[in-house]
């Protein structure tokens, strides 16, 4: 969690499993999803929107649970 909403950057350099990155705004709404980030990749993953939170899930779980853009997330 960050104190502000801003564009977020990630990479998978030290991550051994594929992930979905779920970008969430300060109203706890899913605003963007980056699906199936590749393990050990140095490719920069940049959010297109400002996010306050980023939830990392094993690749495929976001769709499997039936989530969608605009859904609210409760931590």
C-alpha atoms as a PDB file:
ATOM      1  CA  UNK A   1       0.000   0.000   0.000  1.00  0.00           C
ATOM      2  CA  UNK A   2       1.162   3.495  -0.815  1.00  0.00           C
ATOM      3  CA  UNK A   3       0.008   6.757   0.723  1.00  0.00           C
ATOM      4  CA  UNK A   4      -0.973   8.179  -2.669  1.00  0.00           C
ATOM      5  CA  UNK A   5      -2.472   7.169  -5.992  1.00  0.00           C
ATOM      6  CA  UNK A   6       0.167   7.139  -8.695  1.00  0.00           C
ATOM      7  CA  UNK A   7       1.352   5.174 -11.703  1.00  0.00           C
ATOM      8  CA  UNK A   8       2.968   1.918 -10.549  1.00  0.00           C
ATOM      9  CA  UNK A   9       5.882   0.015 -12.089  1.00  0.00           C
ATOM     10  CA  UNK A  10       6.815  -3.614 -11.536  1.00  0.00           C
ATOM     11  CA  UNK A  11       8.990  -6.339 -12.956  1.00  0.00           C
ATOM     12  CA  UNK A  12       9.202 -10.058 -12.353  1.00  0.00           C
ATOM     13  CA  UNK A  13      13.006 -10.348 -12.118  1.00  0.00           C
ATOM     14  CA  UNK A  14      12.996 -12.353  -8.853  1.00  0.00           C
ATOM     15  CA  UNK A  15       9.542 -13.944  -9.095  1.00  0.00           C
ATOM     16  CA  UNK A  16       9.389 -17.643  -9.983  1.00  0.00           C
ATOM     17  CA  UNK A  17       5.654 -17.970 -10.741  1.00  0.00           C
ATOM     18  CA  UNK A  18       3.381 -16.160 -13.243  1.00  0.00           C
ATOM     19  CA  UNK A  19       1.189 -13.496 -11.643  1.00  0.00           C
ATOM     20  CA  UNK A  20      -1.821 -11.325 -12.375  1.00  0.00           C
ATOM     21  CA  UNK A  21      -1.326  -7.752 -11.097  1.00  0.00           C
ATOM     22  CA  UNK A  22      -4.580  -6.130 -10.009  1.00  0.00           C
ATOM     23  CA  UNK A  23      -4.408  -2.339  -9.776  1.00  0.00           C
ATOM     24  CA  UNK A  24      -6.855  -0.817  -7.265  1.00  0.00           C
ATOM     25  CA  UNK A  25      -7.732   2.847  -6.632  1.00  0.00           C
ATOM     26  CA  UNK A  26      -8.318   4.595  -3.296  1.00  0.00           C
ATOM     27  CA  UNK A  27     -12.048   3.732  -3.500  1.00  0.00           C
ATOM     28  CA  UNK A  28     -10.994   0.048  -3.538  1.00  0.00           C
ATOM     29  CA  UNK A  29     -12.186  -0.434  -7.136  1.00  0.00           C
ATOM     30  CA  UNK A  30     -10.317  -2.620  -9.603  1.00  0.00           C
ATOM     31  CA  UNK A  31      -9.184  -0.184 -12.273  1.00  0.00           C
ATOM     32  CA  UNK A  32      -6.802  -2.320 -14.325  1.00  0.00           C
ATOM     33  CA  UNK A  33      -5.369  -5.841 -14.543  1.00  0.00           C
ATOM     34  CA  UNK A  34      -2.117  -7.028 -16.055  1.00  0.00           C
ATOM     35  CA  UNK A  35      -2.593 -10.725 -16.777  1.00  0.00           C
ATOM     36  CA  UNK A  36       0.023 -13.480 -16.696  1.00  0.00           C
ATOM     37  CA  UNK A  37       3.224 -11.587 -15.916  1.00  0.00           C
ATOM     38  CA  UNK A  38       6.088 -13.907 -16.881  1.00  0.00           C
ATOM     39  CA  UNK A  39       8.477 -15.267 -14.240  1.00  0.00           C
ATOM     40  CA  UNK A  40      11.987 -13.765 -14.104  1.00  0.00           C
ATOM     41  CA  UNK A  41      11.141 -11.163 -16.779  1.00  0.00           C
ATOM     42  CA  UNK A  42      12.880  -7.793 -16.619  1.00  0.00           C
ATOM     43  CA  UNK A  43      10.138  -6.216 -18.754  1.00  0.00           C
ATOM     44  CA  UNK A  44       8.705  -3.201 -16.944  1.00  0.00           C
ATOM     45  CA  UNK A  45       4.985  -3.492 -16.235  1.00  0.00           C
ATOM     46  CA  UNK A  46       3.538   0.025 -16.015  1.00  0.00           C
ATOM     47  CA  UNK A  47       0.028   0.805 -14.893  1.00  0.00           C
ATOM     48  CA  UNK A  48      -2.005   2.904 -17.325  1.00  0.00           C
ATOM     49  CA  UNK A  49      -3.971   4.427 -14.448  1.00  0.00           C
ATOM     50  CA  UNK A  50      -3.103   5.786 -11.025  1.00  0.00           C
ATOM     51  CA  UNK A  51      -3.421   3.115  -8.332  1.00  0.00           C
ATOM     52  CA  UNK A  52      -3.087   3.112  -4.563  1.00  0.00           C
ATOM     53  CA  UNK A  53      -2.908  -0.660  -4.178  1.00  0.00           C
ATOM     54  CA  UNK A  54      -1.650  -3.560  -6.269  1.00  0.00           C
ATOM     55  CA  UNK A  55      -2.797  -7.071  -5.485  1.00  0.00           C
ATOM     56  CA  UNK A  56      -0.684  -9.922  -6.848  1.00  0.00           C
ATOM     57  CA  UNK A  57      -2.457 -13.211  -7.510  1.00  0.00           C
ATOM     58  CA  UNK A  58      -1.258 -16.415  -9.111  1.00  0.00           C
ATOM     59  CA  UNK A  59      -1.938 -16.109 -12.841  1.00  0.00           C
ATOM     60  CA  UNK A  60      -5.499 -17.096 -13.737  1.00  0.00           C
ATOM     61  CA  UNK A  61      -7.007 -16.661 -10.262  1.00  0.00           C
ATOM     62  CA  UNK A  62      -8.548 -13.231 -11.023  1.00  0.00           C
ATOM     63  CA  UNK A  63     -10.631 -14.653 -13.888  1.00  0.00           C
ATOM     64  CA  UNK A  64     -11.319 -17.912 -12.070  1.00  0.00           C
ATOM     65  CA  UNK A  65     -12.867 -15.996  -9.152  1.00  0.00           C
ATOM     66  CA  UNK A  66     -15.039 -14.005 -11.568  1.00  0.00           C
ATOM     67  CA  UNK A  67     -13.646 -10.539 -10.792  1.00  0.00           C
ATOM     68  CA  UNK A  68     -13.867  -7.709 -13.314  1.00  0.00           C
ATOM     69  CA  UNK A  69     -12.853  -4.085 -13.794  1.00  0.00           C
ATOM     70  CA  UNK A  70     -14.946  -1.852 -11.516  1.00  0.00           C
ATOM     71  CA  UNK A  71     -15.448  -4.494  -8.837  1.00  0.00           C
ATOM     72  CA  UNK A  72     -14.732  -3.457  -5.244  1.00  0.00           C
ATOM     73  CA  UNK A  73     -12.052  -5.248  -3.266  1.00  0.00           C
ATOM     74  CA  UNK A  74     -12.300  -5.525   0.516  1.00  0.00           C
ATOM     75  CA  UNK A  75      -9.030  -6.155   2.353  1.00  0.00           C
END
